[in-house]
C-alpha atoms as a PDB file:
ATOM      1  CA  MET A   1     -22.603  39.007  28.242  1.00  0.00           C
ATOM      2  CA  PRO A   2     -20.653  42.228  27.483  1.00  0.00           C
ATOM      3  CA  LYS A   3     -20.774  43.415  23.892  1.00  0.00           C
ATOM      4  CA  ARG A   4     -17.005  43.337  23.478  1.00  0.00           C
ATOM      5  CA  ILE A   5     -16.931  39.639  24.452  1.00  0.00           C
ATOM      6  CA  LEU A   6     -19.634  38.859  21.905  1.00  0.00           C
ATOM      7  CA  THR A   7     -17.676  40.756  19.270  1.00  0.00           C
ATOM      8  CA  PHE A   8     -14.531  38.835  20.155  1.00  0.00           C
ATOM      9  CA  LEU A   9     -16.329  35.472  19.974  1.00  0.00           C
ATOM     10  CA  ARG A  10     -17.773  36.374  16.569  1.00  0.00           C
ATOM     11  CA  GLN A  11     -14.303  37.275  15.333  1.00  0.00           C
ATOM     12  CA  VAL A  12     -12.923  33.967  16.600  1.00  0.00           C
ATOM     13  CA  LEU A  13     -15.770  32.065  14.944  1.00  0.00           C
ATOM     14  CA  VAL A  14     -15.235  33.861  11.636  1.00  0.00           C
ATOM     15  CA  ALA A  15     -11.484  33.162  11.816  1.00  0.00           C
ATOM     16  CA  VAL A  16     -12.070  29.458  12.534  1.00  0.00           C
ATOM     17  CA  VAL A  17     -14.566  29.093   9.691  1.00  0.00           C
ATOM     18  CA  ALA A  18     -12.243  30.960   7.322  1.00  0.00           C
ATOM     19  CA  ALA A  19      -9.314  28.742   8.321  1.00  0.00           C
ATOM     20  CA  ILE A  20     -11.390  25.602   7.729  1.00  0.00           C
ATOM     21  CA  LEU A  21     -12.482  26.840   4.305  1.00  0.00           C
ATOM     22  CA  ILE A  22      -8.955  27.857   3.306  1.00  0.00           C
ATOM     23  CA  TRP A  23      -7.440  24.534   4.336  1.00  0.00           C
ATOM     24  CA  THR A  24     -10.217  22.621   2.609  1.00  0.00           C
ATOM     25  CA  ILE A  25      -9.598  24.555  -0.615  1.00  0.00           C
ATOM     26  CA  ILE A  26      -5.841  23.987  -0.330  1.00  0.00           C
ATOM     27  CA  ILE A  27      -6.344  20.237   0.106  1.00  0.00           C
ATOM     28  CA  MET A  28      -8.746  20.153  -2.841  1.00  0.00           C
ATOM     29  CA  ILE A  29      -6.337  22.002  -5.136  1.00  0.00           C
ATOM     30  CA  PHE A  30      -3.209  20.119  -4.112  1.00  0.00           C
ATOM     31  CA  GLU A  31      -4.859  16.793  -3.307  1.00  0.00           C
ATOM     32  CA  GLU A  32      -2.174  14.581  -4.867  1.00  0.00           C
ATOM     33  CA  LYS A  33       0.512  16.431  -2.876  1.00  0.00           C
ATOM     34  CA  PHE A  34      -1.244  15.372   0.328  1.00  0.00           C
ATOM     35  CA  ILE A  35      -1.430  11.732  -0.802  1.00  0.00           C
ATOM     36  CA  PHE A  36       1.779  10.898  -2.682  1.00  0.00           C
ATOM     37  CA  PHE A  37       5.260  11.573  -1.297  1.00  0.00           C
ATOM     38  CA  PRO A  38       7.652  10.093  -3.854  1.00  0.00           C
ATOM     39  CA  SER A  39      11.415  10.062  -3.631  1.00  0.00           C
ATOM     40  CA  ILE A  40      12.684  10.602  -7.165  1.00  0.00           C
ATOM     41  CA  TYR A  41      16.003   9.117  -8.311  1.00  0.00           C
ATOM     42  CA  PRO A  42      18.812   9.705  -7.354  1.00  0.00           C
ATOM     43  CA  GLU A  43      17.166  10.263  -3.977  1.00  0.00           C
ATOM     44  CA  GLY A  44      17.080   6.955  -2.174  1.00  0.00           C
ATOM     45  CA  MET A  45      19.280   4.090  -0.985  1.00  0.00           C
ATOM     46  CA  TYR A  46      20.094   2.432  -4.294  1.00  0.00           C
ATOM     47  CA  GLU A  47      23.542   1.364  -3.137  1.00  0.00           C
ATOM     48  CA  ASP A  48      21.802  -1.207  -0.890  1.00  0.00           C
ATOM     49  CA  ALA A  49      20.675  -3.098  -4.001  1.00  0.00           C
ATOM     50  CA  ARG A  50      24.055  -4.832  -4.085  1.00  0.00           C
ATOM     51  CA  TYR A  51      23.040  -6.786  -0.976  1.00  0.00           C
ATOM     52  CA  ILE A  52      19.967  -8.316  -2.652  1.00  0.00           C
ATOM     53  CA  PRO A  53      20.878 -11.714  -4.149  1.00  0.00           C
ATOM     54  CA  ASN A  54      19.898 -12.523  -7.736  1.00  0.00           C
ATOM     55  CA  LEU A  55      18.558  -9.020  -8.297  1.00  0.00           C
ATOM     56  CA  GLN A  56      17.304  -8.040 -11.752  1.00  0.00           C
ATOM     57  CA  GLU A  57      16.522  -4.494 -12.865  1.00  0.00           C
ATOM     58  CA  CYS A  58      13.170  -4.483 -14.655  1.00  0.00           C
ATOM     59  CA  SER A  59      11.328  -2.100 -16.944  1.00  0.00           C
ATOM     60  CA  ILE A  60       7.520  -2.311 -17.077  1.00  0.00           C
ATOM     61  CA  ARG A  61       5.284  -0.613 -19.624  1.00  0.00           C
ATOM     62  CA  THR A  62       1.778   0.363 -18.505  1.00  0.00           C
ATOM     63  CA  GLU A  63      -1.373   0.370 -20.631  1.00  0.00           C
ATOM     64  CA  ASP A  64      -1.142   4.168 -20.998  1.00  0.00           C
ATOM     65  CA  GLY A  65       2.512   4.116 -22.063  1.00  0.00           C
ATOM     66  CA  VAL A  66       4.313   4.930 -18.808  1.00  0.00           C
ATOM     67  CA  THR A  67       7.598   3.115 -18.092  1.00  0.00           C
ATOM     68  CA  LEU A  68       8.012   1.873 -14.529  1.00  0.00           C
ATOM     69  CA  HIS A  69      11.146   0.718 -12.734  1.00  0.00           C
ATOM     70  CA  ALA A  70      11.109  -2.483 -10.702  1.00  0.00           C
ATOM     71  CA  TRP A  71      13.320  -5.011  -8.945  1.00  0.00           C
ATOM     72  CA  PHE A  72      12.873  -8.761  -9.214  1.00  0.00           C
ATOM     73  CA  ALA A  73      14.763 -11.365  -7.226  1.00  0.00           C
ATOM     74  CA  SER A  74      14.210 -15.108  -7.168  1.00  0.00           C
ATOM     75  CA  VAL A  75      15.047 -18.126  -5.027  1.00  0.00           C
ATOM     76  CA  ASP A  76      15.685 -21.715  -6.120  1.00  0.00           C
ATOM     77  CA  THR A  77      12.431 -23.310  -4.903  1.00  0.00           C
ATOM     78  CA  PRO A  78       9.979 -20.478  -4.238  1.00  0.00           C
ATOM     79  CA  LEU A  79       6.857 -20.913  -2.142  1.00  0.00           C
ATOM     80  CA  ALA A  80       5.248 -18.205  -4.280  1.00  0.00           C
ATOM     81  CA  THR A  81       6.015 -14.935  -6.018  1.00  0.00           C
ATOM     82  CA  LEU A  82       5.137 -11.803  -4.063  1.00  0.00           C
ATOM     83  CA  LEU A  83       4.087  -8.765  -6.084  1.00  0.00           C
ATOM     84  CA  ILE A  84       4.657  -5.876  -3.686  1.00  0.00           C
ATOM     85  CA  SER A  85       2.878  -2.532  -3.954  1.00  0.00           C
ATOM     86  CA  HIS A  86       4.584  -0.228  -1.465  1.00  0.00           C
ATOM     87  CA  GLY A  87       3.325   2.750   0.510  1.00  0.00           C
ATOM     88  CA  ASN A  88       2.934   6.382  -0.526  1.00  0.00           C
ATOM     89  CA  GLY A  89       6.419   7.554   0.459  1.00  0.00           C
ATOM     90  CA  GLY A  90       9.979   6.950  -0.724  1.00  0.00           C
ATOM     91  CA  ASN A  91      10.705   4.377  -3.422  1.00  0.00           C
ATOM     92  CA  ILE A  92      11.698   0.730  -3.734  1.00  0.00           C
ATOM     93  CA  SER A  93      15.268   1.437  -2.661  1.00  0.00           C
ATOM     94  CA  HIS A  94      13.994   2.152   0.854  1.00  0.00           C
ATOM     95  CA  ARG A  95      12.509  -1.371   1.034  1.00  0.00           C
ATOM     96  CA  SER A  96      15.607  -3.416   0.177  1.00  0.00           C
ATOM     97  CA  GLU A  97      15.912  -4.909   3.680  1.00  0.00           C
ATOM     98  CA  LEU A  98      12.312  -6.149   3.577  1.00  0.00           C
ATOM     99  CA  MET A  99      12.998  -7.648   0.166  1.00  0.00           C
ATOM    100  CA  ARG A 100      16.039  -9.509   1.499  1.00  0.00           C
ATOM    101  CA  ARG A 101      14.053 -10.914   4.426  1.00  0.00           C
ATOM    102  CA  LEU A 102      11.250 -12.118   2.174  1.00  0.00           C
ATOM    103  CA  LEU A 103      13.760 -13.824  -0.111  1.00  0.00           C
ATOM    104  CA  ARG A 104      15.283 -15.616   2.887  1.00  0.00           C
ATOM    105  CA  THR A 105      11.769 -16.737   3.851  1.00  0.00           C
ATOM    106  CA  GLY A 106      11.441 -18.517   0.510  1.00  0.00           C
ATOM    107  CA  PHE A 107       9.645 -16.103  -1.798  1.00  0.00           C
ATOM    108  CA  ASN A 108      10.377 -14.666  -5.197  1.00  0.00           C
ATOM    109  CA  VAL A 109       9.789 -10.915  -4.975  1.00  0.00           C
ATOM    110  CA  LEU A 110       8.848  -8.301  -7.561  1.00  0.00           C
ATOM    111  CA  MET A 111       8.757  -4.787  -6.115  1.00  0.00           C
ATOM    112  CA  TYR A 112       7.968  -1.879  -8.404  1.00  0.00           C
ATOM    113  CA  ASP A 113       7.770   1.898  -8.181  1.00  0.00           C
ATOM    114  CA  TYR A 114       4.590   3.732  -9.095  1.00  0.00           C
ATOM    115  CA  ARG A 115       4.704   6.413 -11.756  1.00  0.00           C
ATOM    116  CA  GLY A 116       6.593   9.430 -10.445  1.00  0.00           C
ATOM    117  CA  TYR A 117       8.515   7.370  -7.866  1.00  0.00           C
ATOM    118  CA  GLY A 118      12.199   6.446  -8.029  1.00  0.00           C
ATOM    119  CA  LYS A 119      13.212   5.838 -11.638  1.00  0.00           C
ATOM    120  CA  SER A 120       9.649   5.501 -12.933  1.00  0.00           C
ATOM    121  CA  GLU A 121       8.201   8.007 -15.378  1.00  0.00           C
ATOM    122  CA  GLY A 122       5.119  10.162 -14.954  1.00  0.00           C
ATOM    123  CA  SER A 123       3.183  11.604 -12.019  1.00  0.00           C
ATOM    124  CA  PRO A 124       1.034   9.627  -9.594  1.00  0.00           C
ATOM    125  CA  ASP A 125      -2.721   9.764  -9.194  1.00  0.00           C
ATOM    126  CA  GLU A 126      -5.296   7.187  -8.134  1.00  0.00           C
ATOM    127  CA  GLU A 127      -6.135   5.731 -11.532  1.00  0.00           C
ATOM    128  CA  GLY A 128      -2.481   5.850 -12.555  1.00  0.00           C
ATOM    129  CA  VAL A 129      -1.232   3.727  -9.652  1.00  0.00           C
ATOM    130  CA  TYR A 130      -3.996   1.203 -10.329  1.00  0.00           C
ATOM    131  CA  LYS A 131      -2.718   0.910 -13.901  1.00  0.00           C
ATOM    132  CA  ASP A 132       0.803   0.507 -12.525  1.00  0.00           C
ATOM    133  CA  GLY A 133      -0.299  -2.396 -10.328  1.00  0.00           C
ATOM    134  CA  ARG A 134      -2.036  -4.178 -13.199  1.00  0.00           C
ATOM    135  CA  ALA A 135       0.995  -3.698 -15.457  1.00  0.00           C
ATOM    136  CA  ALA A 136       3.277  -5.125 -12.765  1.00  0.00           C
ATOM    137  CA  PHE A 137       1.056  -8.195 -12.473  1.00  0.00           C
ATOM    138  CA  ASP A 138       1.084  -8.737 -16.232  1.00  0.00           C
ATOM    139  CA  TYR A 139       4.847  -8.308 -16.266  1.00  0.00           C
ATOM    140  CA  VAL A 140       5.549 -10.810 -13.505  1.00  0.00           C
ATOM    141  CA  LEU A 141       3.760 -13.472 -15.545  1.00  0.00           C
ATOM    142  CA  THR A 142       6.509 -13.167 -18.159  1.00  0.00           C
ATOM    143  CA  LEU A 143       9.387 -13.828 -15.766  1.00  0.00           C
ATOM    144  CA  HIS A 144      11.279 -17.114 -15.725  1.00  0.00           C
ATOM    145  CA  GLY A 145      10.528 -19.297 -12.722  1.00  0.00           C
ATOM    146  CA  VAL A 146       7.221 -17.634 -11.829  1.00  0.00           C
ATOM    147  CA  ASP A 147       4.249 -19.982 -11.419  1.00  0.00           C
ATOM    148  CA  PRO A 148       1.118 -18.036 -12.485  1.00  0.00           C
ATOM    149  CA  LYS A 149      -0.903 -19.997  -9.922  1.00  0.00           C
ATOM    150  CA  ARG A 150       1.360 -18.799  -7.093  1.00  0.00           C
ATOM    151  CA  ILE A 151       1.298 -15.030  -7.431  1.00  0.00           C
ATOM    152  CA  VAL A 152       0.451 -13.323  -4.149  1.00  0.00           C
ATOM    153  CA  LEU A 153      -0.401  -9.632  -4.058  1.00  0.00           C
ATOM    154  CA  TRP A 154       1.166  -7.764  -1.129  1.00  0.00           C
ATOM    155  CA  GLY A 155       0.073  -4.183  -0.470  1.00  0.00           C
ATOM    156  CA  THR A 156       1.417  -1.913   2.252  1.00  0.00           C
ATOM    157  CA  SER A 157      -0.416   1.242   3.371  1.00  0.00           C
ATOM    158  CA  LEU A 158      -1.591   2.988   0.183  1.00  0.00           C
ATOM    159  CA  GLY A 159      -0.269  -0.056  -1.669  1.00  0.00           C
ATOM    160  CA  GLY A 160      -3.029  -2.052  -0.012  1.00  0.00           C
ATOM    161  CA  ALA A 161      -5.570  -0.085  -2.048  1.00  0.00           C
ATOM    162  CA  VAL A 162      -3.538  -0.801  -5.186  1.00  0.00           C
ATOM    163  CA  ALA A 163      -3.251  -4.528  -4.412  1.00  0.00           C
ATOM    164  CA  ILE A 164      -6.986  -4.776  -3.748  1.00  0.00           C
ATOM    165  CA  ASP A 165      -7.751  -3.079  -7.055  1.00  0.00           C
ATOM    166  CA  VAL A 166      -5.391  -5.448  -8.889  1.00  0.00           C
ATOM    167  CA  ALA A 167      -7.137  -8.397  -7.208  1.00  0.00           C
ATOM    168  CA  THR A 168     -10.423  -7.272  -8.758  1.00  0.00           C
ATOM    169  CA  HIS A 169      -8.905  -7.360 -12.271  1.00  0.00           C
ATOM    170  CA  ARG A 170      -6.270 -10.118 -12.229  1.00  0.00           C
ATOM    171  CA  PRO A 171      -6.270 -13.789 -11.103  1.00  0.00           C
ATOM    172  CA  ALA A 172      -3.988 -13.649  -8.073  1.00  0.00           C
ATOM    173  CA  ALA A 173      -3.725 -16.602  -5.692  1.00  0.00           C
ATOM    174  CA  ALA A 174      -3.975 -14.617  -2.454  1.00  0.00           C
ATOM    175  CA  LEU A 175      -3.807 -11.145  -0.966  1.00  0.00           C
ATOM    176  CA  ILE A 176      -1.636  -9.836   1.889  1.00  0.00           C
ATOM    177  CA  LEU A 177      -2.538  -6.414   3.284  1.00  0.00           C
ATOM    178  CA  GLU A 178      -0.276  -4.518   5.632  1.00  0.00           C
ATOM    179  CA  SER A 179      -1.080  -1.334   7.565  1.00  0.00           C
ATOM    180  CA  THR A 180      -3.744  -0.282   5.110  1.00  0.00           C
ATOM    181  CA  PHE A 181      -7.108   1.508   5.299  1.00  0.00           C
ATOM    182  CA  SER A 182     -10.738   1.140   4.298  1.00  0.00           C
ATOM    183  CA  SER A 183     -11.153   4.233   2.107  1.00  0.00           C
ATOM    184  CA  ALA A 184      -9.721   7.690   1.504  1.00  0.00           C
ATOM    185  CA  LYS A 185     -12.846   9.214   3.032  1.00  0.00           C
ATOM    186  CA  ASP A 186     -12.402   7.229   6.256  1.00  0.00           C
ATOM    187  CA  LEU A 187      -8.728   8.153   6.435  1.00  0.00           C
ATOM    188  CA  ALA A 188      -9.418  11.847   5.790  1.00  0.00           C
ATOM    189  CA  ARG A 189     -12.018  11.802   8.556  1.00  0.00           C
ATOM    190  CA  SER A 190      -9.350  10.434  10.894  1.00  0.00           C
ATOM    191  CA  VAL A 191      -6.487  12.714   9.819  1.00  0.00           C
ATOM    192  CA  TYR A 192      -8.531  15.910   9.338  1.00  0.00           C
ATOM    193  CA  PRO A 193     -11.503  15.444  11.689  1.00  0.00           C
ATOM    194  CA  PHE A 194     -12.471  19.130  11.651  1.00  0.00           C
ATOM    195  CA  LEU A 195     -12.246  19.629   7.903  1.00  0.00           C
ATOM    196  CA  PRO A 196     -14.973  18.767   5.379  1.00  0.00           C
ATOM    197  CA  ALA A 197     -12.292  17.809   2.847  1.00  0.00           C
ATOM    198  CA  ARG A 198     -13.453  14.183   2.797  1.00  0.00           C
ATOM    199  CA  PHE A 199     -16.658  15.273   1.029  1.00  0.00           C
ATOM    200  CA  PHE A 200     -14.698  16.798  -1.861  1.00  0.00           C
ATOM    201  CA  LEU A 201     -11.951  14.228  -2.453  1.00  0.00           C
ATOM    202  CA  ARG A 202     -11.370  13.177  -6.032  1.00  0.00           C
ATOM    203  CA  SER A 203      -9.293  10.218  -4.866  1.00  0.00           C
ATOM    204  CA  GLN A 204     -11.516   7.545  -3.371  1.00  0.00           C
ATOM    205  CA  PHE A 205      -9.272   4.505  -2.779  1.00  0.00           C
ATOM    206  CA  ASN A 206     -12.499   2.756  -1.862  1.00  0.00           C
ATOM    207  CA  SER A 207     -10.979  -0.551  -0.810  1.00  0.00           C
ATOM    208  CA  ILE A 208     -13.798  -1.529   1.507  1.00  0.00           C
ATOM    209  CA  ASP A 209     -16.316  -1.821  -1.324  1.00  0.00           C
ATOM    210  CA  LYS A 210     -13.868  -3.625  -3.605  1.00  0.00           C
ATOM    211  CA  ILE A 211     -12.773  -6.179  -1.021  1.00  0.00           C
ATOM    212  CA  ARG A 212     -16.358  -7.385  -0.619  1.00  0.00           C
ATOM    213  CA  ASN A 213     -16.125  -8.757  -4.172  1.00  0.00           C
ATOM    214  CA  ILE A 214     -12.784 -10.530  -3.676  1.00  0.00           C
ATOM    215  CA  THR A 215     -12.902 -14.250  -2.929  1.00  0.00           C
ATOM    216  CA  ILE A 216      -9.200 -15.142  -2.726  1.00  0.00           C
ATOM    217  CA  PRO A 217      -7.651 -15.718   0.736  1.00  0.00           C
ATOM    218  CA  VAL A 218      -6.695 -12.568   2.647  1.00  0.00           C
ATOM    219  CA  LEU A 219      -4.068 -12.015   5.336  1.00  0.00           C
ATOM    220  CA  SER A 220      -4.260  -8.610   7.017  1.00  0.00           C
ATOM    221  CA  MET A 221      -1.409  -7.354   9.226  1.00  0.00           C
ATOM    222  CA  HIS A 222      -1.433  -4.138  11.236  1.00  0.00           C
ATOM    223  CA  GLY A 223       0.638  -2.666  14.053  1.00  0.00           C
ATOM    224  CA  ASN A 224      -1.436  -1.796  17.104  1.00  0.00           C
ATOM    225  CA  ARG A 225       0.550   1.426  17.602  1.00  0.00           C
ATOM    226  CA  ASP A 226       0.195   2.691  14.044  1.00  0.00           C
ATOM    227  CA  ALA A 227       0.259   6.504  14.223  1.00  0.00           C
ATOM    228  CA  ILE A 228      -0.450   7.061  10.505  1.00  0.00           C
ATOM    229  CA  ILE A 229      -3.135   4.560   9.495  1.00  0.00           C
ATOM    230  CA  PRO A 230      -5.385   3.900  12.501  1.00  0.00           C
ATOM    231  CA  PHE A 231      -5.543   0.279  13.583  1.00  0.00           C
ATOM    232  CA  ALA A 232      -9.338   0.547  13.560  1.00  0.00           C
ATOM    233  CA  LEU A 233      -9.373   1.251   9.815  1.00  0.00           C
ATOM    234  CA  GLY A 234      -7.313  -1.874   9.169  1.00  0.00           C
ATOM    235  CA  ARG A 235      -9.802  -3.906  11.202  1.00  0.00           C
ATOM    236  CA  LYS A 236     -12.731  -2.287   9.416  1.00  0.00           C
ATOM    237  CA  LEU A 237     -11.334  -3.335   6.057  1.00  0.00           C
ATOM    238  CA  PHE A 238     -10.582  -6.839   7.318  1.00  0.00           C
ATOM    239  CA  ASP A 239     -14.111  -7.248   8.698  1.00  0.00           C
ATOM    240  CA  ALA A 240     -15.513  -6.492   5.238  1.00  0.00           C
ATOM    241  CA  ALA A 241     -13.367  -9.166   3.557  1.00  0.00           C
ATOM    242  CA  ASN A 242     -14.704 -12.592   2.678  1.00  0.00           C
ATOM    243  CA  GLU A 243     -13.444 -15.851   4.131  1.00  0.00           C
ATOM    244  CA  PRO A 244     -10.904 -17.358   4.150  1.00  0.00           C
ATOM    245  CA  LYS A 245      -9.141 -14.578   5.978  1.00  0.00           C
ATOM    246  CA  GLN A 246      -6.924 -14.030   8.990  1.00  0.00           C
ATOM    247  CA  PHE A 247      -5.730 -11.022  10.955  1.00  0.00           C
ATOM    248  CA  TYR A 248      -2.300 -10.583  12.499  1.00  0.00           C
ATOM    249  CA  GLU A 249      -2.011  -7.826  15.097  1.00  0.00           C
ATOM    250  CA  ILE A 250       1.639  -6.780  15.357  1.00  0.00           C
ATOM    251  CA  GLU A 251       2.132  -5.961  18.991  1.00  0.00           C
ATOM    252  CA  GLY A 252       3.974  -2.679  19.552  1.00  0.00           C
ATOM    253  CA  ALA A 253       4.487  -1.876  15.852  1.00  0.00           C
ATOM    254  CA  ASP A 254       4.020   1.578  14.355  1.00  0.00           C
ATOM    255  CA  HIS A 255       3.426   2.212  10.652  1.00  0.00           C
ATOM    256  CA  ASN A 256       6.888   1.808   9.132  1.00  0.00           C
ATOM    257  CA  ASP A 257       8.518  -0.715  11.464  1.00  0.00           C
ATOM    258  CA  THR A 258       6.163  -3.676  11.161  1.00  0.00           C
ATOM    259  CA  TYR A 259       8.714  -6.139   9.784  1.00  0.00           C
ATOM    260  CA  ILE A 260      11.312  -4.973  12.316  1.00  0.00           C
ATOM    261  CA  VAL A 261       9.060  -5.188  15.376  1.00  0.00           C
ATOM    262  CA  GLY A 262       7.307  -8.306  14.096  1.00  0.00           C
ATOM    263  CA  GLY A 263      10.626  -9.992  13.319  1.00  0.00           C
ATOM    264  CA  ASP A 264      10.543 -13.724  12.650  1.00  0.00           C
ATOM    265  CA  GLU A 265       6.885 -13.989  13.642  1.00  0.00           C
ATOM    266  CA  TYR A 266       5.955 -11.444  10.967  1.00  0.00           C
ATOM    267  CA  LEU A 267       7.722 -13.492   8.287  1.00  0.00           C
ATOM    268  CA  GLU A 268       6.293 -16.745   9.621  1.00  0.00           C
ATOM    269  CA  GLN A 269       2.761 -15.339   9.400  1.00  0.00           C
ATOM    270  CA  ALA A 270       3.270 -14.666   5.700  1.00  0.00           C
ATOM    271  CA  ARG A 271       4.968 -18.025   5.088  1.00  0.00           C
ATOM    272  CA  THR A 272       2.345 -20.179   6.817  1.00  0.00           C
ATOM    273  CA  PHE A 273      -0.498 -18.205   5.222  1.00  0.00           C
ATOM    274  CA  VAL A 274       0.873 -18.916   1.748  1.00  0.00           C
ATOM    275  CA  ILE A 275       1.485 -22.584   2.543  1.00  0.00           C
ATOM    276  CA  ARG A 276      -2.036 -23.095   3.912  1.00  0.00           C
ATOM    277  CA  GLN A 277      -4.005 -20.931   1.526  1.00  0.00           C
ATOM    278  CA  VAL A 278      -2.051 -21.243  -1.727  1.00  0.00           C
ATOM    279  CA  LEU A 279       0.132 -24.344  -1.814  1.00  0.00           C
ATOM    280  CA  ARG A 280      -2.325 -26.746  -0.184  1.00  0.00           C
ATOM    281  CA  ARG A 281      -5.073 -25.617  -2.548  1.00  0.00           C
ATOM    282  CA  LEU A 282      -2.882 -26.648  -5.465  1.00  0.00           C
ATOM    283  CA  LEU A 283      -2.351 -30.199  -4.170  1.00  0.00           C
END
């Protein structure tokens, strides 16, 4: 092989290695920026709140003194109260349509913003959002019309990791996981397959180990065209869960359109799961 070709290949190899190292260092330094994408008030769709019936603005205080913003809405004869931990982008104002649909299905709903999201104080990190989830659970127990034996944790995407962590610390009745993942390391391997960043992550979001210790019923839902959280990671997490559990594959759904593509079937999956796994256990 000619010397100039060897020299060129060495230069390419050095450039590739340097690029990998630089990107790994950038991810390590700005890790939270690659995980959390909050929309901070007034950014959002807060005007849509007027379409949510019986809506209450709520203020939640965490164990480390951070004040969170939340919405609570109730129905006359609720099947259960859903405590919703949303994904890593936007804020609760972007989920008002989902909230309306869940109310029509017969649920009370408390949806809160993590620290640094929407109108909530602070800045998000892994331990912080876990504290936020626990504070939201404690808060919902104080609300009128909420049966403490019928609180169902609902976690979407990154919120699935939060809901799973809450389930290890609080006595929830059941757990609904939507479009979530097994661990930060698994997700980093999928998103950045050529970078060693997964070996240096401070954030673990190690849901797969935690879910093995959870004994409440689990419903896992995942779109089979999810371009952000691979379907396989949702199945991996589900496979690690204990019985009773069920998996709902949302045909044709991507990451952020599950309730739209799933439509009535999506809502019926949640409704029948709660009836079978929560209400019948209380009889």
